[in-house]
Protein backbone atom coordinates (compact mmCIF):
# COMPACT_ATOMS: atom_id res chain seq x y z
CA MET A 1 33.40 -14.53 -46.94
CA LYS A 2 29.74 -14.16 -46.08
CA ALA A 3 28.48 -16.54 -43.40
CA GLU A 4 25.80 -19.06 -44.20
CA PRO A 5 22.36 -17.75 -43.23
CA SER A 6 21.79 -20.66 -40.82
CA THR A 7 24.84 -19.77 -38.74
CA MET A 8 24.14 -16.08 -38.14
CA ASP A 9 21.57 -13.91 -36.45
CA ILE A 10 19.23 -11.55 -38.23
CA ASP A 11 20.94 -9.01 -40.47
CA PRO A 12 21.38 -5.66 -38.61
CA GLU A 13 19.61 -3.68 -41.34
CA GLU A 14 16.72 -6.13 -41.37
CA PHE A 15 16.55 -5.97 -37.60
CA ARG A 16 16.43 -2.16 -37.80
CA ARG A 17 13.53 -2.32 -40.29
CA LEU A 18 11.57 -4.85 -38.25
CA GLY A 19 12.44 -3.05 -35.03
CA ARG A 20 10.90 0.15 -36.35
CA MET A 21 7.85 -1.84 -37.34
CA ALA A 22 7.62 -3.35 -33.84
CA ILE A 23 7.99 0.05 -32.12
CA ASP A 24 5.34 1.50 -34.44
CA TRP A 25 3.04 -1.38 -33.56
CA ILE A 26 3.59 -0.87 -29.80
CA SER A 27 3.05 2.86 -30.13
CA ASP A 28 -0.22 2.35 -32.03
CA TYR A 29 -1.30 -0.34 -29.56
CA LEU A 30 -0.84 1.92 -26.55
CA ALA A 31 -2.47 4.88 -28.31
CA GLU A 32 -5.48 2.86 -29.53
CA ILE A 33 -5.84 0.36 -26.67
CA ASP A 34 -9.36 1.64 -25.87
CA GLY A 35 -10.46 -0.07 -29.09
CA TYR A 36 -9.69 -3.57 -27.80
CA PRO A 37 -12.09 -5.61 -25.64
CA VAL A 38 -10.45 -5.70 -22.21
CA LEU A 39 -11.06 -9.42 -21.61
CA SER A 40 -10.04 -11.88 -24.31
CA ARG A 41 -13.08 -13.52 -25.94
CA VAL A 42 -11.44 -16.71 -27.17
CA ARG A 43 -12.45 -20.10 -25.81
CA PRO A 44 -10.11 -22.64 -24.18
CA GLY A 45 -7.99 -24.39 -26.82
CA GLU A 46 -8.82 -21.92 -29.58
CA ILE A 47 -5.34 -20.34 -29.71
CA ARG A 48 -3.63 -23.71 -29.38
CA GLN A 49 -5.45 -25.00 -32.47
CA GLN A 50 -4.14 -22.11 -34.56
CA LEU A 51 -0.52 -22.52 -33.46
CA GLY A 52 0.07 -25.92 -35.05
CA ASP A 53 1.10 -29.23 -33.56
CA HIS A 54 4.74 -29.30 -34.69
CA PRO A 55 7.67 -26.88 -34.69
CA PRO A 56 8.85 -25.43 -38.00
CA GLU A 57 11.57 -27.43 -39.86
CA ASP A 58 12.97 -24.42 -41.71
CA GLU A 59 13.53 -20.75 -41.12
CA GLU A 60 10.53 -18.45 -41.16
CA GLY A 61 10.58 -14.75 -41.88
CA LEU A 62 9.99 -12.32 -39.04
CA ASP A 63 7.47 -10.48 -41.23
CA GLN A 64 5.29 -13.60 -41.16
CA ILE A 65 5.92 -14.12 -37.45
CA LEU A 66 4.81 -10.56 -36.68
CA ALA A 67 1.74 -11.03 -38.90
CA ASP A 68 0.83 -14.21 -37.02
CA PHE A 69 1.38 -12.38 -33.73
CA GLN A 70 -1.28 -9.89 -34.75
CA LYS A 71 -3.63 -12.54 -36.16
CA THR A 72 -3.31 -15.32 -33.58
CA ILE A 73 -1.81 -14.01 -30.35
CA ILE A 74 -3.53 -10.64 -29.93
CA PRO A 75 -7.11 -12.08 -29.93
CA GLY A 76 -6.02 -14.28 -27.00
CA ILE A 77 -4.70 -11.38 -24.92
CA THR A 78 -6.49 -9.93 -21.94
CA HIS A 79 -5.24 -6.37 -22.01
CA TRP A 80 -3.73 -5.50 -18.65
CA ASN A 81 -2.59 -2.21 -20.14
CA HIS A 82 -6.22 -1.28 -20.95
CA PRO A 83 -7.47 1.80 -19.02
CA ALA A 84 -10.67 -0.10 -18.19
CA PHE A 85 -8.82 -3.03 -16.65
CA PHE A 86 -10.08 -2.93 -13.06
CA ALA A 87 -9.51 -6.57 -12.08
CA TYR A 88 -7.06 -7.97 -9.53
CA PHE A 89 -4.43 -5.19 -9.17
CA PRO A 90 -3.79 -3.44 -12.51
CA ILE A 91 -0.24 -3.62 -13.73
CA THR A 92 0.82 -1.02 -16.25
CA GLY A 93 3.69 -1.22 -18.68
CA SER A 94 4.55 2.45 -19.02
CA GLY A 95 6.41 3.65 -22.10
CA ALA A 96 9.53 4.28 -19.99
CA GLY A 97 9.35 0.80 -18.47
CA ILE A 98 8.81 -0.83 -21.86
CA LEU A 99 11.96 0.86 -23.22
CA GLY A 100 13.89 -0.25 -20.12
CA GLU A 101 12.70 -3.84 -20.73
CA LEU A 102 13.78 -3.56 -24.37
CA PHE A 103 17.31 -2.54 -23.48
CA SER A 104 17.46 -5.24 -20.78
CA ALA A 105 16.56 -7.86 -23.39
CA ALA A 106 19.13 -6.48 -25.81
CA LEU A 107 21.95 -6.54 -23.25
CA ASN A 108 20.85 -10.03 -22.11
CA VAL A 109 23.06 -10.02 -19.05
CA ASN A 110 22.96 -12.38 -16.09
CA GLY A 111 23.52 -10.36 -12.93
CA MET A 112 24.39 -13.33 -10.73
CA LEU A 113 27.79 -11.95 -9.77
CA TRP A 114 29.16 -8.41 -9.59
CA ARG A 115 31.72 -9.43 -12.23
CA THR A 116 29.15 -10.78 -14.69
CA SER A 117 27.84 -7.21 -15.12
CA PRO A 118 28.91 -4.60 -12.59
CA ALA A 119 26.34 -2.10 -13.86
CA ALA A 120 23.48 -4.56 -13.27
CA THR A 121 24.50 -5.02 -9.63
CA GLU A 122 25.29 -1.41 -8.82
CA LEU A 123 22.21 -0.07 -10.60
CA GLU A 124 20.09 -2.48 -8.56
CA GLU A 125 21.70 -1.22 -5.35
CA THR A 126 21.14 2.38 -6.39
CA VAL A 127 17.51 2.21 -7.56
CA LEU A 128 16.50 0.21 -4.48
CA ALA A 129 18.07 2.93 -2.31
CA TRP A 130 16.11 5.53 -4.30
CA LEU A 131 12.85 3.59 -3.93
CA ARG A 132 13.49 3.11 -0.22
CA GLU A 133 13.91 6.87 0.13
CA MET A 134 10.78 7.59 -1.91
CA LEU A 135 8.76 5.29 0.38
CA GLY A 136 10.21 6.82 3.54
CA LEU A 137 11.63 3.50 4.74
CA PRO A 138 14.63 3.33 7.09
CA SER A 139 18.02 3.66 5.43
CA SER A 140 19.18 0.55 7.28
CA LEU A 141 17.13 -1.68 4.98
CA TRP A 142 19.02 -3.67 2.34
CA GLY A 143 17.22 -4.48 -0.89
CA ILE A 144 17.15 -7.15 -3.57
CA ILE A 145 14.94 -7.72 -6.62
CA TYR A 146 13.04 -10.92 -7.25
CA ASP A 147 10.37 -11.64 -9.83
CA SER A 148 7.19 -11.60 -7.75
CA ALA A 149 5.88 -11.01 -4.20
CA SER A 150 5.43 -14.77 -3.91
CA MET A 151 9.20 -15.26 -4.33
CA SER A 152 10.01 -12.34 -2.07
CA THR A 153 7.82 -13.77 0.66
CA PHE A 154 9.33 -17.23 0.14
CA HIS A 155 12.86 -15.84 0.56
CA ALA A 156 11.93 -13.81 3.64
CA LEU A 157 10.32 -16.83 5.30
CA ALA A 158 13.30 -19.01 4.37
CA ALA A 159 15.49 -16.55 6.31
CA ALA A 160 13.03 -16.69 9.21
CA ARG A 161 13.25 -20.46 9.14
CA GLN A 162 17.03 -20.23 9.17
CA ILE A 163 16.96 -18.23 12.42
CA ALA A 164 14.26 -20.33 14.06
CA GLY A 165 15.93 -23.58 13.07
CA GLY A 166 19.32 -22.72 14.53
CA SER A 167 22.76 -23.86 13.50
CA THR A 168 21.67 -27.20 12.07
CA MET A 169 19.08 -25.81 9.65
CA ARG A 170 21.44 -25.69 6.65
CA THR A 171 22.62 -29.25 7.15
CA ALA A 172 19.75 -31.19 8.75
CA GLY A 173 16.81 -29.08 7.55
CA ILE A 174 13.53 -29.34 9.38
CA GLN A 175 13.49 -33.16 9.53
CA ASN A 176 12.63 -34.72 12.87
CA ARG A 177 12.35 -31.47 14.79
CA ASP A 178 11.08 -31.85 18.31
CA ARG A 179 9.24 -28.51 18.11
CA PRO A 180 7.48 -27.96 14.75
CA LEU A 181 7.78 -24.43 13.34
CA ARG A 182 4.68 -22.31 13.14
CA LEU A 183 3.80 -19.43 10.81
CA TYR A 184 1.08 -16.82 11.48
CA THR A 185 -0.87 -14.62 9.13
CA SER A 186 -4.40 -13.28 8.75
CA GLU A 187 -7.40 -14.91 7.14
CA GLN A 188 -7.12 -12.23 4.46
CA ALA A 189 -3.45 -12.80 3.63
CA HIS A 190 -2.27 -13.61 0.12
CA SER A 191 -2.05 -17.26 -0.89
CA SER A 192 1.73 -16.86 -1.39
CA VAL A 193 2.17 -17.19 2.42
CA GLN A 194 0.69 -20.67 2.40
CA LYS A 195 2.58 -21.57 -0.78
CA ALA A 196 5.81 -20.56 0.92
CA ALA A 197 4.90 -22.83 3.84
CA LEU A 198 4.48 -25.69 1.39
CA ALA A 199 7.79 -25.01 -0.34
CA LEU A 200 9.69 -24.64 2.92
CA GLY A 201 8.39 -27.95 4.27
CA LEU A 202 6.33 -26.42 7.07
CA GLY A 203 3.04 -27.86 5.89
CA LEU A 204 -0.31 -26.11 5.82
CA ASP A 205 -1.20 -27.43 9.26
CA ASN A 206 1.50 -25.18 10.66
CA VAL A 207 0.10 -22.02 9.17
CA GLN A 208 -2.16 -20.35 11.68
CA LEU A 209 -4.76 -18.08 10.04
CA ILE A 210 -5.55 -15.32 12.51
CA PRO A 211 -9.12 -13.92 12.57
CA VAL A 212 -9.73 -10.40 11.37
CA ASP A 213 -11.85 -7.52 12.67
CA ARG A 214 -14.81 -5.94 10.89
CA HIS A 215 -12.38 -3.97 8.70
CA TYR A 216 -10.59 -7.20 7.71
CA ARG A 217 -7.44 -6.41 9.69
CA MET A 218 -5.51 -9.02 11.62
CA GLY A 219 -6.53 -9.21 15.29
CA VAL A 220 -3.52 -8.54 17.50
CA SER A 221 -5.02 -10.08 20.61
CA GLU A 222 -5.93 -13.21 18.61
CA LEU A 223 -2.34 -13.33 17.34
CA ARG A 224 -0.97 -13.14 20.89
CA THR A 225 -3.32 -15.90 22.01
CA ALA A 226 -2.37 -18.18 19.08
CA VAL A 227 1.37 -17.74 19.70
CA GLN A 228 1.07 -18.42 23.40
CA ARG A 229 -1.16 -21.47 22.78
CA ASP A 230 1.37 -22.90 20.36
CA ARG A 231 4.31 -22.31 22.71
CA ASP A 232 2.41 -24.06 25.46
CA GLY A 233 1.65 -26.90 23.03
CA GLY A 234 5.26 -27.55 22.07
CA PHE A 235 5.42 -25.57 18.82
CA GLN A 236 8.02 -22.93 17.93
CA PRO A 237 6.69 -19.66 16.45
CA MET A 238 8.78 -18.88 13.38
CA ALA A 239 7.34 -15.80 11.69
CA VAL A 240 4.35 -13.49 11.41
CA VAL A 241 3.24 -12.10 8.02
CA ALA A 242 1.30 -8.82 8.22
CA THR A 243 -0.25 -7.20 5.15
CA ILE A 244 -0.48 -3.60 3.95
CA GLY A 245 -3.13 -3.82 1.26
CA THR A 246 -4.74 -7.27 1.48
CA THR A 247 -5.66 -8.88 -1.83
CA SER A 248 -9.41 -8.95 -1.37
CA THR A 249 -10.09 -5.64 0.37
CA THR A 250 -6.72 -3.78 0.55
CA SER A 251 -7.05 -3.58 4.32
CA ILE A 252 -4.05 -2.61 6.43
CA ASP A 253 -3.02 -4.81 9.33
CA PRO A 254 -2.00 -2.97 12.54
CA VAL A 255 1.70 -3.29 11.83
CA PRO A 256 2.96 -1.11 14.72
CA GLU A 257 1.24 -3.32 17.31
CA ILE A 258 2.14 -6.52 15.49
CA GLY A 259 5.74 -5.33 15.12
CA ALA A 260 6.08 -4.50 18.81
CA PHE A 261 4.72 -7.95 19.74
CA CYS A 262 7.09 -9.74 17.33
CA ARG A 263 10.10 -7.75 18.58
CA ASP A 264 9.28 -8.57 22.22
CA SER A 265 8.60 -12.22 21.34
CA GLY A 266 11.67 -12.80 19.17
CA ILE A 267 9.58 -13.67 16.12
CA TRP A 268 10.47 -12.65 12.54
CA LEU A 269 8.00 -10.11 11.09
CA HIS A 270 7.54 -10.04 7.34
CA VAL A 271 5.30 -7.28 5.90
CA ASP A 272 3.55 -7.91 2.59
CA ALA A 273 3.21 -4.40 1.18
CA ALA A 274 3.32 -5.67 -2.41
CA TYR A 275 0.33 -3.53 -3.39
CA GLY A 276 -0.20 -0.94 -0.66
CA GLY A 277 3.41 -0.05 0.00
CA SER A 278 3.65 1.93 -3.25
CA ALA A 279 1.11 4.44 -1.88
CA ALA A 280 3.79 5.72 0.49
CA VAL A 281 5.37 7.68 -2.38
CA VAL A 282 2.46 10.07 -1.74
CA PRO A 283 3.63 12.19 1.22
CA GLU A 284 0.25 12.23 2.96
CA MET A 285 0.11 8.41 2.64
CA ARG A 286 3.46 7.70 4.36
CA TRP A 287 1.50 6.48 7.38
CA VAL A 288 0.59 3.23 5.60
CA LEU A 289 4.14 2.00 6.28
CA ASP A 290 4.06 2.91 9.98
CA GLY A 291 5.54 0.10 12.00
CA CYS A 292 7.70 -1.21 9.16
CA GLU A 293 10.75 0.00 11.02
CA LEU A 294 10.05 -2.97 13.33
CA ALA A 295 9.88 -5.48 10.50
CA ASP A 296 12.61 -7.90 9.58
CA SER A 297 11.55 -7.88 5.91
CA ILE A 298 9.15 -5.97 3.65
CA VAL A 299 8.06 -6.61 0.06
CA VAL A 300 6.93 -3.91 -2.38
CA ASN A 301 6.02 -4.64 -6.03
CA PRO A 302 6.80 -1.84 -8.48
CA HIS A 303 4.92 -3.77 -11.17
CA LYS A 304 1.68 -3.44 -9.25
CA TRP A 305 1.26 0.32 -8.85
CA LEU A 306 4.48 2.01 -10.00
CA PHE A 307 3.96 1.50 -13.74
CA THR A 308 6.89 -0.88 -14.21
CA PRO A 309 6.28 -3.85 -16.57
CA ILE A 310 5.81 -7.19 -14.87
CA ASP A 311 7.79 -8.75 -13.32
CA ILE A 312 9.68 -6.96 -10.55
CA SER A 313 9.37 -7.37 -6.79
CA VAL A 314 11.56 -5.71 -4.18
CA LEU A 315 12.40 -7.34 -0.84
CA TYR A 316 13.93 -5.12 1.86
CA THR A 317 15.40 -6.67 4.96
CA ASN A 318 17.33 -5.68 8.08
CA ASN A 319 18.99 -9.08 7.99
CA PRO A 320 20.80 -9.59 4.67
CA ARG A 321 23.40 -11.62 6.51
CA VAL A 322 20.79 -14.24 7.39
CA LEU A 323 19.45 -14.26 3.83
CA LYS A 324 22.95 -14.94 2.60
CA GLU A 325 23.50 -17.67 5.18
CA THR A 326 20.30 -19.30 3.99
CA PHE A 327 21.13 -19.44 0.26
CA SER A 328 24.88 -19.02 -0.38
CA LEU A 329 26.94 -21.95 -1.60
CA GLU A 330 30.65 -21.95 -2.41
CA ALA A 331 30.76 -23.38 -5.92
CA HIS A 332 34.39 -23.10 -7.20
CA TYR A 333 33.36 -22.00 -10.70
CA LEU A 334 31.50 -19.01 -9.25
CA GLN A 335 34.30 -17.69 -7.06
CA THR A 336 35.82 -14.36 -8.12
CA SER A 337 38.70 -12.20 -6.99
CA GLU A 338 36.45 -9.30 -5.92
CA GLY A 339 35.45 -11.14 -2.76
CA GLU A 340 33.26 -9.02 -0.53
CA THR A 341 34.03 -5.71 -2.31
CA GLY A 342 31.21 -6.29 -4.79
CA THR A 343 27.75 -7.67 -4.10
CA ASN A 344 27.03 -11.07 -5.58
CA TYR A 345 23.24 -11.15 -5.60
CA MET A 346 23.19 -14.87 -6.43
CA ASP A 347 24.13 -15.49 -2.76
CA TYR A 348 20.84 -14.06 -1.56
CA GLY A 349 18.31 -16.19 -3.33
CA LEU A 350 17.30 -19.47 -4.92
CA SER A 351 18.01 -18.40 -8.48
CA LEU A 352 21.47 -18.28 -10.00
CA GLY A 353 20.36 -16.53 -13.18
CA ARG A 354 19.16 -12.95 -12.60
CA ARG A 355 17.54 -10.74 -15.22
CA PHE A 356 18.48 -7.06 -15.38
CA ARG A 357 15.17 -5.97 -13.84
CA ALA A 358 16.65 -2.90 -12.18
CA LEU A 359 17.05 -1.21 -15.57
CA LYS A 360 13.35 -0.81 -16.23
CA LEU A 361 12.77 0.49 -12.70
CA TRP A 362 15.57 3.03 -13.24
CA PHE A 363 13.86 4.23 -16.43
CA VAL A 364 10.50 4.55 -14.62
CA LEU A 365 11.81 6.32 -11.52
CA ARG A 366 13.76 8.82 -13.61
CA TYR A 367 10.98 9.42 -16.13
CA PHE A 368 8.20 10.06 -13.58
CA GLY A 369 10.14 11.23 -10.54
CA ARG A 370 8.66 10.97 -7.07
CA ARG A 371 6.26 13.87 -7.63
CA GLY A 372 5.00 12.41 -10.91
CA LEU A 373 4.39 9.03 -9.36
CA ALA A 374 2.73 10.58 -6.30
CA ASN A 375 0.42 12.75 -8.41
CA ARG A 376 -0.83 9.75 -10.39
CA LEU A 377 -1.37 7.52 -7.35
CA ARG A 378 -3.12 10.35 -5.54
CA LYS A 379 -5.52 10.70 -8.45
CA HIS A 380 -6.29 6.96 -8.46
CA MET A 381 -7.16 7.07 -4.74
CA GLU A 382 -9.31 10.16 -5.24
CA TRP A 383 -11.25 8.47 -8.02
CA ALA A 384 -11.77 5.35 -5.90
CA ARG A 385 -13.26 7.50 -3.11
CA GLN A 386 -15.59 9.13 -5.64
CA LEU A 387 -16.73 5.71 -6.84
CA ALA A 388 -17.25 4.59 -3.26
CA GLU A 389 -19.46 7.64 -2.65
CA ARG A 390 -21.60 6.70 -5.67
CA ILE A 391 -21.97 3.18 -4.45
CA ASP A 392 -22.87 4.30 -0.94
CA SER A 393 -25.63 6.58 -2.21
CA HIS A 394 -27.09 4.11 -4.71
CA PRO A 395 -30.25 2.25 -3.68
CA ASN A 396 -29.23 -0.97 -5.42
CA PHE A 397 -25.62 -1.36 -4.22
CA GLU A 398 -23.71 -1.68 -1.01
CA ARG A 399 -20.00 -1.31 -0.22
CA LEU A 400 -18.49 -4.05 1.94
CA ALA A 401 -15.03 -2.79 2.87
CA PRO A 402 -13.12 0.42 3.55
CA VAL A 403 -11.24 2.09 0.70
CA PRO A 404 -7.77 3.01 2.06
CA PHE A 405 -6.19 2.92 -1.41
CA SER A 406 -7.87 2.65 -4.81
CA THR A 407 -9.80 -0.64 -4.70
CA VAL A 408 -13.53 -0.74 -4.03
CA CYS A 409 -15.41 -3.85 -2.86
CA PHE A 410 -19.18 -3.80 -3.43
CA ARG A 411 -22.11 -5.84 -4.53
CA LEU A 412 -25.62 -5.59 -5.91
CA ASN A 413 -28.07 -5.65 -2.98
CA PRO A 414 -31.23 -3.56 -3.51
CA LYS A 415 -32.38 -1.80 -0.38
CA SER A 416 -36.02 -1.87 -1.51
CA ARG A 417 -36.33 -5.63 -1.25
CA SER A 418 -34.94 -8.44 0.87
CA LEU A 419 -33.35 -11.15 -1.27
CA PRO A 420 -32.08 -14.51 0.05
CA PRO A 421 -28.29 -14.77 0.37
CA ALA A 422 -28.06 -17.49 -2.30
CA LEU A 423 -30.00 -15.38 -4.78
CA LEU A 424 -27.83 -12.35 -4.04
CA ASP A 425 -24.71 -14.41 -4.71
CA ASP A 426 -26.18 -15.71 -7.95
CA LEU A 427 -27.16 -12.20 -9.08
CA ASN A 428 -23.71 -10.84 -8.40
CA GLU A 429 -22.01 -13.73 -10.18
CA ARG A 430 -24.26 -13.13 -13.19
CA LEU A 431 -23.64 -9.39 -12.95
CA ILE A 432 -19.83 -9.67 -13.13
CA GLY A 433 -20.15 -12.21 -15.91
CA THR A 434 -22.18 -9.89 -18.13
CA ILE A 435 -19.98 -6.89 -17.27
CA ASN A 436 -16.82 -8.71 -18.25
CA ALA A 437 -18.37 -10.28 -21.36
CA SER A 438 -19.27 -6.80 -22.60
CA GLY A 439 -15.57 -6.12 -23.27
CA GLN A 440 -16.01 -2.57 -21.98
CA CYS A 441 -14.31 -3.19 -18.63
CA TYR A 442 -12.95 -6.03 -16.56
CA LEU A 443 -13.60 -6.55 -12.82
CA SER A 444 -12.62 -9.35 -10.49
CA HIS A 445 -14.37 -10.78 -7.43
CA THR A 446 -13.76 -12.18 -3.97
CA ARG A 447 -15.74 -13.60 -1.07
CA LEU A 448 -16.12 -11.72 2.22
CA GLU A 449 -17.80 -13.54 5.11
CA GLY A 450 -19.19 -15.97 2.56
CA ARG A 451 -20.68 -13.28 0.34
CA PHE A 452 -19.84 -12.95 -3.36
CA VAL A 453 -18.31 -9.49 -3.81
CA LEU A 454 -17.21 -7.48 -6.83
CA ARG A 455 -13.82 -5.73 -6.80
CA MET A 456 -12.97 -2.67 -8.86
CA ALA A 457 -9.28 -1.80 -8.63
CA ILE A 458 -8.21 1.56 -10.09
CA GLY A 459 -4.49 1.82 -10.76
CA ASN A 460 -3.73 1.81 -14.45
CA LEU A 461 -1.52 4.61 -15.74
CA ARG A 462 -3.81 5.27 -18.72
CA THR A 463 -7.08 5.29 -16.81
CA GLN A 464 -9.06 8.52 -16.85
CA PHE A 465 -12.18 9.22 -14.86
CA HIS A 466 -14.38 8.76 -17.93
CA HIS A 467 -13.30 5.09 -17.99
CA ILE A 468 -14.58 4.76 -14.43
CA ASP A 469 -17.74 6.59 -15.41
CA GLN A 470 -18.32 4.19 -18.32
CA ALA A 471 -17.68 1.16 -16.13
CA TRP A 472 -20.13 2.44 -13.49
CA GLU A 473 -22.77 3.01 -16.17
CA THR A 474 -22.24 -0.54 -17.46
CA ILE A 475 -22.53 -1.93 -13.93
CA GLN A 476 -25.79 -0.04 -13.26
CA ARG A 477 -27.29 -0.98 -16.61
CA GLU A 478 -26.60 -4.68 -16.21
CA ALA A 479 -27.83 -4.56 -12.60
CA ARG A 480 -31.14 -3.02 -13.67
CA ARG A 481 -31.57 -5.71 -16.32
CA LEU A 482 -30.93 -8.50 -13.78
CA LEU A 483 -33.29 -7.03 -11.18
CA THR A 484 -36.00 -6.73 -13.82
CA GLU A 485 -35.57 -10.38 -14.67
CA VAL A 486 -35.89 -11.30 -10.97
CA ALA A 487 -38.99 -9.16 -10.56
CA SER A 488 -40.68 -10.79 -13.51
């Protein structure tokens, strides 16, 4: 007897037809993505108004849903896959990664225990060993996948808190401690460090932001001074977070010196290499991870610069035992007969449910190989240097930070005239506004020493140099227009 339509999933033949339609749409989208404006042009609330106030009462056909996807959703998308997306850090969904994500969704497994899908656990162990080898990291490091660098950093600092807090941390927490725990990172560190401090109950007052040098790198002597001052003042140093590829400028903290200090001082060192760590797949860039052998934990995000669809973040640590002590609980319904013979990743993090993220990384690493990844990253860094040279030689622009990877920080500042700082900031804010409104490219901004600065991050798989050329032409054209307005 045929089941009632309301009690069954989509018919397999209908799914096959619609699936072909979806794959065709994705293929056309990736092939023709240059035709979309990079930045969505809708206004706040515009998409919401089209979606309706109430859920549907009855079944709706997937043909109509797909049509509405094209009509309503796509206009509200900022296209991170666009080759002229130069904002933040570009994240590319490669074809291989998209297929891996598709199969992950189809399998729909929860990799919380080894038993709940042995392949999910053992593939994760394998691909993280592959990635570790590609990056030239020590084989002693143990890896686990989380969703984002923010969560990786949170888990690393939770382990650091476990060590610093001693035997009562799991039971008593940080309540009524005689010596408050302190966390150290640079003024240029990612906001996830402070968010982790909030979530872990440390409080923002116990995050010490260490000054940086003229290249925006953490000052080691300033770090030493801050740690000693806190110890003298009755605080307990818990962890230091160093960065390889800071968010604003992609600067590289002096990890070897910081690592040696942390090792001698008994302080946990976490290295945020979420962006810059990927560069180490390029043999001549292996040096960017120098000193990481001294770290207790390191985060690298394959979704930032290894063409793996968001989200996937990898945490490596020399102390998986501490991570397990921090998060494992013995719920009876989760106990299995395998015991310690199979890894139960749920014991090493906050989340019980775990998506099969390793599958898309496996697809990507196998499709590109180390050489293929290295060649593409090498090209991105070469193009960034070429852009930096153009900026350096242009009379109307100045570069404000080194370019160790593929992100360039610059601003409009004509050498032929002296403009007040407030006017310069206003001009640069207007400049990036008109650039992004053009739809031809998308840049982000930051502030360095109080100055409004434009950021152009090159890292999309589909970017070619002509996209950078076009963006540079747009930047120059809009800058000339603004300077003419000021002159008049």
